[in-house]
Amino acid sequence: MKQTQSKSAQKELRLLALIHSNHNTSRIELAKMTGASVGSMTAMVKRLIRKGLVVESGKGSASLGRKPVSLSLRTELGYVVGVDLGSFLTRIVVADISSKISYKAEMPTQMADGREAVIGRTFAAVHEAMREGHVSRNPLKGVGMAHSGVIDSQKGVVLCFPRPGQMTQWRNVPLREMLEKEFGFPAHWTTVPE
């Protein structure tokens, strides 16, 4: 039984990803993309609608027969915050589950001020982004951060920041753990080229 539920959950996740990447798609189009029958696709979509994950977003166009009903993810499912902590600029965005940006800001990173000052400003800017991006009305699902230093993305640790004057301050900094402690949400990690 657990394996069946797991397979069903995996199918639903794949279907949610398809609906997300093909906004306003119909059940018929989803069936064609996945190779599933229209009947089984209709059943899966109904489950996702009952769970409150998907909504019918309008009627499409058809030359013959019934017009297909467009589907999309419920935007109120939650928000994510993205942070790009770069050498020179820090960028922050708040987006809903359908990638619609509700807030965006950019500020000088000012690495020369030191690690504690940079982290403090960044966290304050994320709190402001959450307020301004109306995250209080809908749940925050996570924080994603990119850092221009050398990182261990598995552990979420800044290993070093190879810039003069910054090498020792940014050695083995557990930034993911710091983010999760500050915001109480899962943090995801990546590196970006400068």
N, C-alpha and C. Protein backbone atom coordinates (compact mmCIF):
# COMPACT_ATOMS: atom_id res chain seq x y z
N MET A 1 0.83 -1.21 0.00
CA MET A 1 0.00 0.00 0.00
C MET A 1 0.86 1.26 0.00
N LYS A 2 1.94 1.30 0.84
CA LYS A 2 2.80 2.47 0.91
C LYS A 2 3.48 2.74 -0.43
N GLN A 3 3.89 1.65 -1.11
CA GLN A 3 4.56 1.82 -2.40
C GLN A 3 3.59 2.42 -3.42
N THR A 4 2.31 1.98 -3.39
CA THR A 4 1.30 2.53 -4.29
C THR A 4 1.09 4.01 -4.01
N GLN A 5 1.02 4.38 -2.71
CA GLN A 5 0.85 5.78 -2.36
C GLN A 5 2.06 6.59 -2.83
N SER A 6 3.24 6.02 -2.70
CA SER A 6 4.45 6.71 -3.12
C SER A 6 4.45 6.94 -4.63
N LYS A 7 4.05 5.92 -5.39
CA LYS A 7 3.99 6.07 -6.85
C LYS A 7 2.94 7.11 -7.23
N SER A 8 1.81 7.09 -6.53
CA SER A 8 0.76 8.06 -6.79
C SER A 8 1.25 9.48 -6.48
N ALA A 9 1.96 9.63 -5.36
CA ALA A 9 2.50 10.94 -4.99
C ALA A 9 3.53 11.42 -6.01
N GLN A 10 4.36 10.51 -6.50
CA GLN A 10 5.35 10.88 -7.52
C GLN A 10 4.66 11.33 -8.81
N LYS A 11 3.59 10.63 -9.20
CA LYS A 11 2.85 11.02 -10.39
C LYS A 11 2.24 12.41 -10.21
N GLU A 12 1.70 12.66 -9.01
CA GLU A 12 1.10 13.97 -8.74
C GLU A 12 2.16 15.07 -8.78
N LEU A 13 3.34 14.80 -8.23
CA LEU A 13 4.42 15.80 -8.28
C LEU A 13 4.84 16.10 -9.71
N ARG A 14 4.96 15.05 -10.52
CA ARG A 14 5.31 15.27 -11.94
C ARG A 14 4.22 16.06 -12.66
N LEU A 15 2.97 15.76 -12.33
CA LEU A 15 1.85 16.48 -12.94
C LEU A 15 1.85 17.95 -12.50
N LEU A 16 2.10 18.20 -11.22
CA LEU A 16 2.20 19.58 -10.75
C LEU A 16 3.32 20.33 -11.46
N ALA A 17 4.45 19.67 -11.68
CA ALA A 17 5.56 20.31 -12.39
C ALA A 17 5.16 20.63 -13.83
N LEU A 18 4.43 19.73 -14.47
CA LEU A 18 3.97 19.99 -15.84
C LEU A 18 2.99 21.16 -15.89
N ILE A 19 2.08 21.20 -14.94
CA ILE A 19 1.11 22.31 -14.91
C ILE A 19 1.84 23.62 -14.65
N HIS A 20 2.84 23.59 -13.78
CA HIS A 20 3.63 24.80 -13.49
C HIS A 20 4.37 25.27 -14.74
N SER A 21 5.00 24.37 -15.46
CA SER A 21 5.80 24.79 -16.62
C SER A 21 4.96 25.01 -17.87
N ASN A 22 3.71 24.55 -17.88
CA ASN A 22 2.81 24.74 -19.03
C ASN A 22 1.54 25.41 -18.54
N HIS A 23 1.70 26.63 -18.00
CA HIS A 23 0.58 27.36 -17.40
C HIS A 23 -0.61 27.41 -18.35
N ASN A 24 -1.79 27.24 -17.79
CA ASN A 24 -3.06 27.25 -18.53
C ASN A 24 -3.16 26.12 -19.54
N THR A 25 -2.61 24.99 -19.20
CA THR A 25 -2.74 23.81 -20.04
C THR A 25 -4.02 23.08 -19.69
N SER A 26 -4.48 22.18 -20.55
CA SER A 26 -5.72 21.46 -20.29
C SER A 26 -5.43 20.00 -19.96
N ARG A 27 -6.45 19.32 -19.50
CA ARG A 27 -6.31 17.89 -19.19
C ARG A 27 -5.91 17.11 -20.44
N ILE A 28 -6.49 17.48 -21.57
CA ILE A 28 -6.19 16.77 -22.83
C ILE A 28 -4.72 16.97 -23.21
N GLU A 29 -4.24 18.20 -23.08
CA GLU A 29 -2.82 18.48 -23.38
C GLU A 29 -1.91 17.72 -22.41
N LEU A 30 -2.28 17.66 -21.14
CA LEU A 30 -1.49 16.92 -20.16
C LEU A 30 -1.47 15.43 -20.48
N ALA A 31 -2.61 14.90 -20.91
CA ALA A 31 -2.67 13.49 -21.29
C ALA A 31 -1.73 13.21 -22.47
N LYS A 32 -1.71 14.12 -23.44
CA LYS A 32 -0.80 13.95 -24.60
C LYS A 32 0.66 14.01 -24.16
N MET A 33 0.97 14.94 -23.26
CA MET A 33 2.36 15.10 -22.79
C MET A 33 2.85 13.88 -22.02
N THR A 34 1.95 13.28 -21.24
CA THR A 34 2.36 12.18 -20.37
C THR A 34 2.12 10.81 -20.96
N GLY A 35 1.28 10.72 -21.98
CA GLY A 35 0.92 9.41 -22.54
C GLY A 35 -0.19 8.73 -21.76
N ALA A 36 -0.75 9.41 -20.78
CA ALA A 36 -1.86 8.85 -19.98
C ALA A 36 -3.17 9.02 -20.74
N SER A 37 -4.16 8.25 -20.35
CA SER A 37 -5.48 8.41 -20.96
C SER A 37 -6.12 9.69 -20.41
N VAL A 38 -7.06 10.23 -21.16
CA VAL A 38 -7.75 11.44 -20.71
C VAL A 38 -8.53 11.15 -19.43
N GLY A 39 -9.09 9.94 -19.33
CA GLY A 39 -9.83 9.57 -18.12
C GLY A 39 -8.95 9.52 -16.88
N SER A 40 -7.77 8.91 -16.98
CA SER A 40 -6.89 8.86 -15.81
C SER A 40 -6.33 10.24 -15.49
N MET A 41 -6.10 11.05 -16.51
CA MET A 41 -5.62 12.41 -16.28
C MET A 41 -6.69 13.23 -15.56
N THR A 42 -7.94 13.06 -15.98
CA THR A 42 -9.05 13.76 -15.34
C THR A 42 -9.14 13.37 -13.86
N ALA A 43 -8.97 12.09 -13.57
CA ALA A 43 -9.02 11.62 -12.18
C ALA A 43 -7.88 12.23 -11.36
N MET A 44 -6.67 12.27 -11.91
CA MET A 44 -5.53 12.84 -11.19
C MET A 44 -5.74 14.34 -10.95
N VAL A 45 -6.22 15.04 -11.96
CA VAL A 45 -6.45 16.48 -11.83
C VAL A 45 -7.53 16.75 -10.77
N LYS A 46 -8.59 15.94 -10.76
CA LYS A 46 -9.64 16.10 -9.75
C LYS A 46 -9.07 15.96 -8.35
N ARG A 47 -8.15 14.98 -8.16
CA ARG A 47 -7.51 14.81 -6.84
C ARG A 47 -6.72 16.06 -6.45
N LEU A 48 -5.99 16.61 -7.42
CA LEU A 48 -5.18 17.81 -7.14
C LEU A 48 -6.07 19.01 -6.84
N ILE A 49 -7.21 19.10 -7.50
CA ILE A 49 -8.16 20.18 -7.22
C ILE A 49 -8.74 20.01 -5.82
N ARG A 50 -9.13 18.76 -5.46
CA ARG A 50 -9.67 18.50 -4.11
C ARG A 50 -8.64 18.83 -3.03
N LYS A 51 -7.37 18.58 -3.31
CA LYS A 51 -6.30 18.88 -2.35
C LYS A 51 -5.99 20.38 -2.28
N GLY A 52 -6.59 21.16 -3.20
CA GLY A 52 -6.38 22.60 -3.19
C GLY A 52 -5.07 23.04 -3.83
N LEU A 53 -4.50 22.20 -4.68
CA LEU A 53 -3.22 22.52 -5.31
C LEU A 53 -3.38 23.12 -6.70
N VAL A 54 -4.47 22.76 -7.38
CA VAL A 54 -4.70 23.18 -8.77
C VAL A 54 -6.07 23.83 -8.86
N VAL A 55 -6.19 24.81 -9.76
CA VAL A 55 -7.49 25.44 -10.01
C VAL A 55 -7.75 25.44 -11.51
N GLU A 56 -9.03 25.46 -11.83
CA GLU A 56 -9.43 25.63 -13.23
C GLU A 56 -9.37 27.13 -13.50
N SER A 57 -8.53 27.53 -14.44
CA SER A 57 -8.25 28.95 -14.62
C SER A 57 -8.95 29.58 -15.81
N GLY A 58 -9.81 28.85 -16.48
CA GLY A 58 -10.53 29.43 -17.61
C GLY A 58 -10.76 28.42 -18.70
N LYS A 59 -11.48 28.85 -19.71
CA LYS A 59 -11.77 27.98 -20.85
C LYS A 59 -10.84 28.32 -22.00
N GLY A 60 -10.33 27.29 -22.63
CA GLY A 60 -9.48 27.47 -23.80
C GLY A 60 -10.34 27.60 -25.04
N SER A 61 -9.69 27.51 -26.19
CA SER A 61 -10.45 27.61 -27.44
C SER A 61 -10.39 26.28 -28.16
N ALA A 62 -11.48 25.94 -28.82
CA ALA A 62 -11.54 24.72 -29.63
C ALA A 62 -12.47 25.00 -30.79
N SER A 63 -12.13 24.47 -31.95
CA SER A 63 -12.97 24.71 -33.12
C SER A 63 -14.22 23.83 -33.09
N LEU A 64 -14.11 22.63 -32.51
CA LEU A 64 -15.25 21.72 -32.41
C LEU A 64 -15.38 21.21 -30.99
N GLY A 65 -16.59 20.87 -30.60
CA GLY A 65 -16.82 20.23 -29.31
C GLY A 65 -16.67 21.17 -28.14
N ARG A 66 -16.58 20.53 -26.97
CA ARG A 66 -16.49 21.28 -25.72
C ARG A 66 -15.13 21.97 -25.61
N LYS A 67 -15.15 23.20 -25.12
CA LYS A 67 -13.90 23.94 -24.96
C LYS A 67 -13.09 23.33 -23.81
N PRO A 68 -11.78 23.13 -24.00
CA PRO A 68 -10.96 22.58 -22.91
C PRO A 68 -10.84 23.58 -21.77
N VAL A 69 -10.77 23.06 -20.55
CA VAL A 69 -10.64 23.89 -19.36
C VAL A 69 -9.16 24.00 -19.01
N SER A 70 -8.68 25.23 -18.90
CA SER A 70 -7.28 25.48 -18.56
C SER A 70 -7.05 25.26 -17.07
N LEU A 71 -5.84 24.78 -16.75
CA LEU A 71 -5.47 24.49 -15.36
C LEU A 71 -4.24 25.29 -14.98
N SER A 72 -4.17 25.67 -13.72
CA SER A 72 -2.95 26.31 -13.21
C SER A 72 -2.82 25.99 -11.73
N LEU A 73 -1.62 26.22 -11.21
CA LEU A 73 -1.40 26.03 -9.77
C LEU A 73 -2.07 27.15 -9.01
N ARG A 74 -2.55 26.85 -7.82
CA ARG A 74 -3.10 27.89 -6.95
C ARG A 74 -1.96 28.78 -6.49
N THR A 75 -2.02 30.04 -6.81
CA THR A 75 -0.92 30.95 -6.46
C THR A 75 -0.83 31.19 -4.97
N GLU A 76 -1.91 30.99 -4.22
CA GLU A 76 -1.89 31.24 -2.79
C GLU A 76 -1.21 30.12 -2.01
N LEU A 77 -0.67 29.14 -2.70
CA LEU A 77 -0.03 28.03 -1.99
C LEU A 77 1.15 28.49 -1.16
N GLY A 78 1.82 29.52 -1.59
CA GLY A 78 2.93 30.01 -0.81
C GLY A 78 3.93 30.79 -1.63
N TYR A 79 4.91 31.30 -0.94
CA TYR A 79 5.94 32.12 -1.54
C TYR A 79 7.32 31.54 -1.24
N VAL A 80 8.27 31.93 -2.06
CA VAL A 80 9.67 31.63 -1.80
C VAL A 80 10.44 32.94 -1.91
N VAL A 81 11.53 33.02 -1.18
CA VAL A 81 12.41 34.18 -1.24
C VAL A 81 13.72 33.72 -1.85
N GLY A 82 14.20 34.45 -2.82
CA GLY A 82 15.49 34.17 -3.44
C GLY A 82 16.47 35.28 -3.12
N VAL A 83 17.70 34.91 -2.74
CA VAL A 83 18.73 35.88 -2.38
C VAL A 83 19.98 35.56 -3.19
N ASP A 84 20.52 36.57 -3.85
CA ASP A 84 21.80 36.44 -4.55
C ASP A 84 22.78 37.35 -3.82
N LEU A 85 23.61 36.74 -2.98
CA LEU A 85 24.59 37.48 -2.20
C LEU A 85 25.88 37.53 -3.02
N GLY A 86 26.01 38.57 -3.84
CA GLY A 86 27.15 38.70 -4.73
C GLY A 86 28.27 39.53 -4.15
N SER A 87 29.37 39.58 -4.84
CA SER A 87 30.53 40.35 -4.38
C SER A 87 30.22 41.83 -4.27
N PHE A 88 29.43 42.34 -5.21
CA PHE A 88 29.17 43.77 -5.26
C PHE A 88 27.71 44.14 -5.00
N LEU A 89 26.80 43.26 -5.42
CA LEU A 89 25.37 43.54 -5.24
C LEU A 89 24.67 42.36 -4.58
N THR A 90 23.69 42.68 -3.75
CA THR A 90 22.80 41.67 -3.18
C THR A 90 21.43 41.91 -3.78
N ARG A 91 20.87 40.85 -4.34
CA ARG A 91 19.55 40.94 -4.96
C ARG A 91 18.60 40.01 -4.22
N ILE A 92 17.37 40.49 -4.02
CA ILE A 92 16.36 39.71 -3.31
C ILE A 92 15.06 39.77 -4.09
N VAL A 93 14.42 38.61 -4.23
CA VAL A 93 13.10 38.54 -4.87
C VAL A 93 12.17 37.69 -4.01
N VAL A 94 10.89 38.01 -4.08
CA VAL A 94 9.84 37.19 -3.48
C VAL A 94 8.94 36.80 -4.64
N ALA A 95 8.67 35.50 -4.76
CA ALA A 95 7.82 35.02 -5.85
C ALA A 95 6.82 34.01 -5.31
N ASP A 96 5.66 33.97 -5.95
CA ASP A 96 4.68 32.96 -5.55
C ASP A 96 5.00 31.64 -6.24
N ILE A 97 4.18 30.65 -6.00
CA ILE A 97 4.44 29.31 -6.49
C ILE A 97 4.44 29.23 -8.01
N SER A 98 3.80 30.19 -8.67
CA SER A 98 3.77 30.20 -10.13
C SER A 98 4.87 31.10 -10.72
N SER A 99 5.82 31.49 -9.90
CA SER A 99 6.98 32.31 -10.28
C SER A 99 6.66 33.78 -10.53
N LYS A 100 5.48 34.22 -10.14
CA LYS A 100 5.14 35.63 -10.27
C LYS A 100 5.83 36.40 -9.15
N ILE A 101 6.64 37.38 -9.53
CA ILE A 101 7.43 38.14 -8.56
C ILE A 101 6.56 39.23 -7.94
N SER A 102 6.52 39.24 -6.60
CA SER A 102 5.74 40.26 -5.90
C SER A 102 6.64 41.32 -5.27
N TYR A 103 7.94 41.06 -5.23
CA TYR A 103 8.86 42.03 -4.66
C TYR A 103 10.25 41.74 -5.22
N LYS A 104 10.99 42.84 -5.46
CA LYS A 104 12.35 42.69 -5.96
C LYS A 104 13.15 43.89 -5.49
N ALA A 105 14.37 43.64 -5.03
CA ALA A 105 15.23 44.73 -4.54
C ALA A 105 16.69 44.39 -4.83
N GLU A 106 17.49 45.45 -4.87
CA GLU A 106 18.92 45.30 -5.10
C GLU A 106 19.62 46.33 -4.22
N MET A 107 20.72 45.91 -3.60
CA MET A 107 21.47 46.84 -2.75
C MET A 107 22.94 46.50 -2.83
N PRO A 108 23.81 47.46 -2.55
CA PRO A 108 25.25 47.15 -2.52
C PRO A 108 25.54 46.16 -1.40
N THR A 109 26.37 45.17 -1.69
CA THR A 109 26.72 44.16 -0.69
C THR A 109 27.67 44.74 0.36
N GLN A 110 28.60 45.56 -0.05
CA GLN A 110 29.59 46.20 0.83
C GLN A 110 30.37 45.17 1.64
N MET A 111 30.99 44.23 0.94
CA MET A 111 31.78 43.17 1.57
C MET A 111 32.86 43.72 2.51
N ALA A 112 33.37 44.89 2.21
CA ALA A 112 34.44 45.46 3.04
C ALA A 112 33.99 45.74 4.47
N ASP A 113 32.66 45.82 4.70
CA ASP A 113 32.15 46.05 6.05
C ASP A 113 32.30 44.83 6.96
N GLY A 114 32.60 43.68 6.37
CA GLY A 114 32.78 42.46 7.17
C GLY A 114 31.57 41.55 7.12
N ARG A 115 31.84 40.29 7.41
CA ARG A 115 30.82 39.24 7.31
C ARG A 115 29.59 39.52 8.17
N GLU A 116 29.76 39.87 9.42
CA GLU A 116 28.61 40.07 10.32
C GLU A 116 27.70 41.19 9.81
N ALA A 117 28.30 42.28 9.35
CA ALA A 117 27.50 43.40 8.83
C ALA A 117 26.76 43.00 7.56
N VAL A 118 27.44 42.26 6.67
CA VAL A 118 26.81 41.82 5.42
C VAL A 118 25.64 40.88 5.72
N ILE A 119 25.86 39.92 6.60
CA ILE A 119 24.79 38.97 6.94
C ILE A 119 23.64 39.70 7.63
N GLY A 120 23.93 40.59 8.54
CA GLY A 120 22.88 41.36 9.23
C GLY A 120 22.03 42.16 8.26
N ARG A 121 22.69 42.87 7.33
CA ARG A 121 21.95 43.65 6.33
C ARG A 121 21.12 42.75 5.42
N THR A 122 21.71 41.62 5.04
CA THR A 122 21.00 40.69 4.15
C THR A 122 19.76 40.15 4.83
N PHE A 123 19.88 39.71 6.08
CA PHE A 123 18.73 39.18 6.81
C PHE A 123 17.67 40.25 7.00
N ALA A 124 18.08 41.47 7.31
CA ALA A 124 17.12 42.58 7.46
C ALA A 124 16.40 42.84 6.14
N ALA A 125 17.14 42.77 5.04
CA ALA A 125 16.54 42.99 3.72
C ALA A 125 15.55 41.87 3.37
N VAL A 126 15.85 40.64 3.79
CA VAL A 126 14.91 39.54 3.55
C VAL A 126 13.63 39.74 4.37
N HIS A 127 13.76 40.17 5.62
CA HIS A 127 12.57 40.46 6.43
C HIS A 127 11.73 41.56 5.78
N GLU A 128 12.38 42.60 5.27
CA GLU A 128 11.66 43.66 4.58
C GLU A 128 10.98 43.12 3.33
N ALA A 129 11.68 42.27 2.58
CA ALA A 129 11.11 41.67 1.37
C ALA A 129 9.86 40.86 1.70
N MET A 130 9.90 40.14 2.81
CA MET A 130 8.74 39.35 3.22
C MET A 130 7.55 40.25 3.56
N ARG A 131 7.83 41.38 4.22
CA ARG A 131 6.74 42.33 4.53
C ARG A 131 6.20 42.95 3.26
N GLU A 132 7.09 43.48 2.43
CA GLU A 132 6.68 44.19 1.22
C GLU A 132 6.09 43.25 0.16
N GLY A 133 6.54 42.00 0.17
CA GLY A 133 6.04 41.03 -0.81
C GLY A 133 4.78 40.32 -0.36
N HIS A 134 4.19 40.79 0.75
CA HIS A 134 2.91 40.27 1.27
C HIS A 134 2.98 38.80 1.63
N VAL A 135 4.14 38.36 2.12
CA VAL A 135 4.30 36.97 2.52
C VAL A 135 3.48 36.66 3.76
N SER A 136 3.16 37.65 4.57
CA SER A 136 2.39 37.39 5.79
C SER A 136 1.00 36.84 5.48
N ARG A 137 0.46 37.19 4.30
CA ARG A 137 -0.87 36.71 3.94
C ARG A 137 -0.86 35.27 3.46
N ASN A 138 0.24 34.84 2.91
CA ASN A 138 0.38 33.48 2.39
C ASN A 138 1.69 32.90 2.91
N PRO A 139 1.74 31.60 3.11
CA PRO A 139 2.91 31.02 3.77
C PRO A 139 4.19 31.08 2.95
N LEU A 140 5.28 31.26 3.66
CA LEU A 140 6.60 31.19 3.06
C LEU A 140 7.02 29.73 3.07
N LYS A 141 7.43 29.23 1.92
CA LYS A 141 7.79 27.82 1.80
C LYS A 141 9.30 27.59 1.90
N GLY A 142 10.08 28.63 1.71
CA GLY A 142 11.52 28.44 1.80
C GLY A 142 12.29 29.64 1.32
N VAL A 143 13.59 29.58 1.58
CA VAL A 143 14.52 30.62 1.16
C VAL A 143 15.60 29.96 0.33
N GLY A 144 15.89 30.53 -0.82
CA GLY A 144 16.98 30.04 -1.66
C GLY A 144 18.06 31.08 -1.71
N MET A 145 19.31 30.66 -1.59
CA MET A 145 20.40 31.63 -1.59
C MET A 145 21.50 31.19 -2.54
N ALA A 146 22.04 32.17 -3.25
CA ALA A 146 23.23 31.97 -4.07
C ALA A 146 24.33 32.84 -3.48
N HIS A 147 25.54 32.33 -3.48
CA HIS A 147 26.68 33.06 -2.93
C HIS A 147 27.82 32.96 -3.92
N SER A 148 28.56 34.05 -4.11
CA SER A 148 29.61 34.05 -5.12
C SER A 148 30.93 33.47 -4.63
N GLY A 149 31.00 33.06 -3.37
CA GLY A 149 32.21 32.43 -2.85
C GLY A 149 32.24 30.95 -3.19
N VAL A 150 33.22 30.26 -2.66
CA VAL A 150 33.33 28.81 -2.84
C VAL A 150 32.48 28.16 -1.75
N ILE A 151 31.52 27.32 -2.17
CA ILE A 151 30.59 26.74 -1.21
C ILE A 151 30.55 25.23 -1.30
N ASP A 152 30.13 24.61 -0.22
CA ASP A 152 29.76 23.21 -0.20
C ASP A 152 28.24 23.21 -0.22
N SER A 153 27.65 22.99 -1.40
CA SER A 153 26.20 23.11 -1.53
C SER A 153 25.46 22.01 -0.79
N GLN A 154 26.08 20.87 -0.56
CA GLN A 154 25.44 19.80 0.20
C GLN A 154 25.25 20.21 1.65
N LYS A 155 26.26 20.84 2.23
CA LYS A 155 26.21 21.24 3.64
C LYS A 155 25.70 22.67 3.83
N GLY A 156 25.69 23.47 2.75
CA GLY A 156 25.26 24.86 2.87
C GLY A 156 26.27 25.71 3.61
N VAL A 157 27.55 25.43 3.36
CA VAL A 157 28.62 26.12 4.06
C VAL A 157 29.46 26.90 3.06
N VAL A 158 29.73 28.18 3.36
CA VAL A 158 30.67 28.95 2.56
C VAL A 158 32.07 28.50 2.99
N LEU A 159 32.79 27.88 2.08
CA LEU A 159 34.13 27.38 2.40
C LEU A 159 35.14 28.52 2.42
N CYS A 160 35.02 29.41 1.46
CA CYS A 160 35.88 30.60 1.45
C CYS A 160 35.33 31.61 0.45
N PHE A 161 35.82 32.81 0.58
CA PHE A 161 35.46 33.88 -0.35
C PHE A 161 36.77 34.48 -0.81
N PRO A 162 37.24 34.06 -1.97
CA PRO A 162 38.60 34.41 -2.40
C PRO A 162 38.77 35.85 -2.88
N ARG A 163 38.52 36.78 -1.98
CA ARG A 163 38.74 38.19 -2.27
C ARG A 163 39.67 38.73 -1.18
N PRO A 164 40.61 39.57 -1.54
CA PRO A 164 41.52 40.13 -0.53
C PRO A 164 40.73 40.79 0.60
N GLY A 165 41.14 40.50 1.82
CA GLY A 165 40.50 41.07 3.00
C GLY A 165 39.27 40.31 3.47
N GLN A 166 38.80 39.34 2.68
CA GLN A 166 37.58 38.61 3.04
C GLN A 166 37.82 37.12 3.28
N MET A 167 39.02 36.65 2.96
CA MET A 167 39.27 35.21 2.98
C MET A 167 39.04 34.59 4.36
N THR A 168 39.53 35.19 5.40
CA THR A 168 39.39 34.59 6.73
C THR A 168 37.98 34.76 7.30
N GLN A 169 37.33 35.89 7.02
CA GLN A 169 35.98 36.12 7.56
C GLN A 169 34.94 35.16 6.98
N TRP A 170 35.14 34.73 5.74
CA TRP A 170 34.16 33.89 5.07
C TRP A 170 34.65 32.44 4.96
N ARG A 171 35.44 31.98 5.89
CA ARG A 171 35.91 30.60 5.87
C ARG A 171 35.01 29.74 6.75
N ASN A 172 34.45 28.68 6.14
CA ASN A 172 33.60 27.70 6.85
C ASN A 172 32.42 28.34 7.58
N VAL A 173 31.71 29.20 6.90
CA VAL A 173 30.53 29.88 7.47
C VAL A 173 29.28 29.03 7.17
N PRO A 174 28.57 28.55 8.20
CA PRO A 174 27.38 27.71 8.00
C PRO A 174 26.15 28.56 7.64
N LEU A 175 26.19 29.18 6.47
CA LEU A 175 25.16 30.16 6.11
C LEU A 175 23.77 29.55 5.98
N ARG A 176 23.67 28.33 5.45
CA ARG A 176 22.35 27.71 5.35
C ARG A 176 21.74 27.54 6.74
N GLU A 177 22.51 27.04 7.68
CA GLU A 177 22.04 26.86 9.05
C GLU A 177 21.62 28.21 9.64
N MET A 178 22.38 29.25 9.37
CA MET A 178 22.06 30.58 9.87
C MET A 178 20.73 31.08 9.28
N LEU A 179 20.54 30.84 7.98
CA LEU A 179 19.28 31.23 7.32
C LEU A 179 18.10 30.49 7.94
N GLU A 180 18.25 29.19 8.11
CA GLU A 180 17.15 28.40 8.66
C GLU A 180 16.82 28.81 10.08
N LYS A 181 17.84 29.13 10.86
CA LYS A 181 17.62 29.58 12.24
C LYS A 181 16.92 30.94 12.27
N GLU A 182 17.36 31.85 11.39
CA GLU A 182 16.79 33.20 11.35
C GLU A 182 15.33 33.20 10.90
N PHE A 183 15.01 32.38 9.87
CA PHE A 183 13.68 32.46 9.26
C PHE A 183 12.77 31.28 9.58
N GLY A 184 13.34 30.19 10.11
CA GLY A 184 12.52 29.05 10.47
C GLY A 184 11.96 28.29 9.29
N PHE A 185 12.61 28.41 8.12
CA PHE A 185 12.17 27.73 6.92
C PHE A 185 13.35 27.02 6.30
N PRO A 186 13.08 26.01 5.46
CA PRO A 186 14.19 25.34 4.78
C PRO A 186 14.93 26.32 3.87
N ALA A 187 16.23 26.18 3.83
CA ALA A 187 17.06 27.02 2.94
C ALA A 187 17.73 26.12 1.91
N HIS A 188 17.78 26.58 0.69
CA HIS A 188 18.41 25.82 -0.40
C HIS A 188 19.57 26.64 -0.92
N TRP A 189 20.52 25.97 -1.47
CA TRP A 189 21.81 26.59 -1.72
C TRP A 189 22.32 26.33 -3.12
N THR A 190 22.95 27.32 -3.71
CA THR A 190 23.61 27.14 -5.00
C THR A 190 24.74 28.15 -5.11
N THR A 191 25.56 27.98 -6.11
CA THR A 191 26.61 28.95 -6.38
C THR A 191 26.34 29.62 -7.71
N VAL A 192 26.72 30.85 -7.84
CA VAL A 192 26.49 31.57 -9.10
C VAL A 192 27.81 32.16 -9.57
N PRO A 193 28.02 32.21 -10.88
CA PRO A 193 29.22 32.86 -11.38
C PRO A 193 29.10 34.36 -11.25
N GLU A 194 30.19 35.03 -10.96
CA GLU A 194 30.20 36.50 -10.85
C GLU A 194 30.55 37.11 -12.18
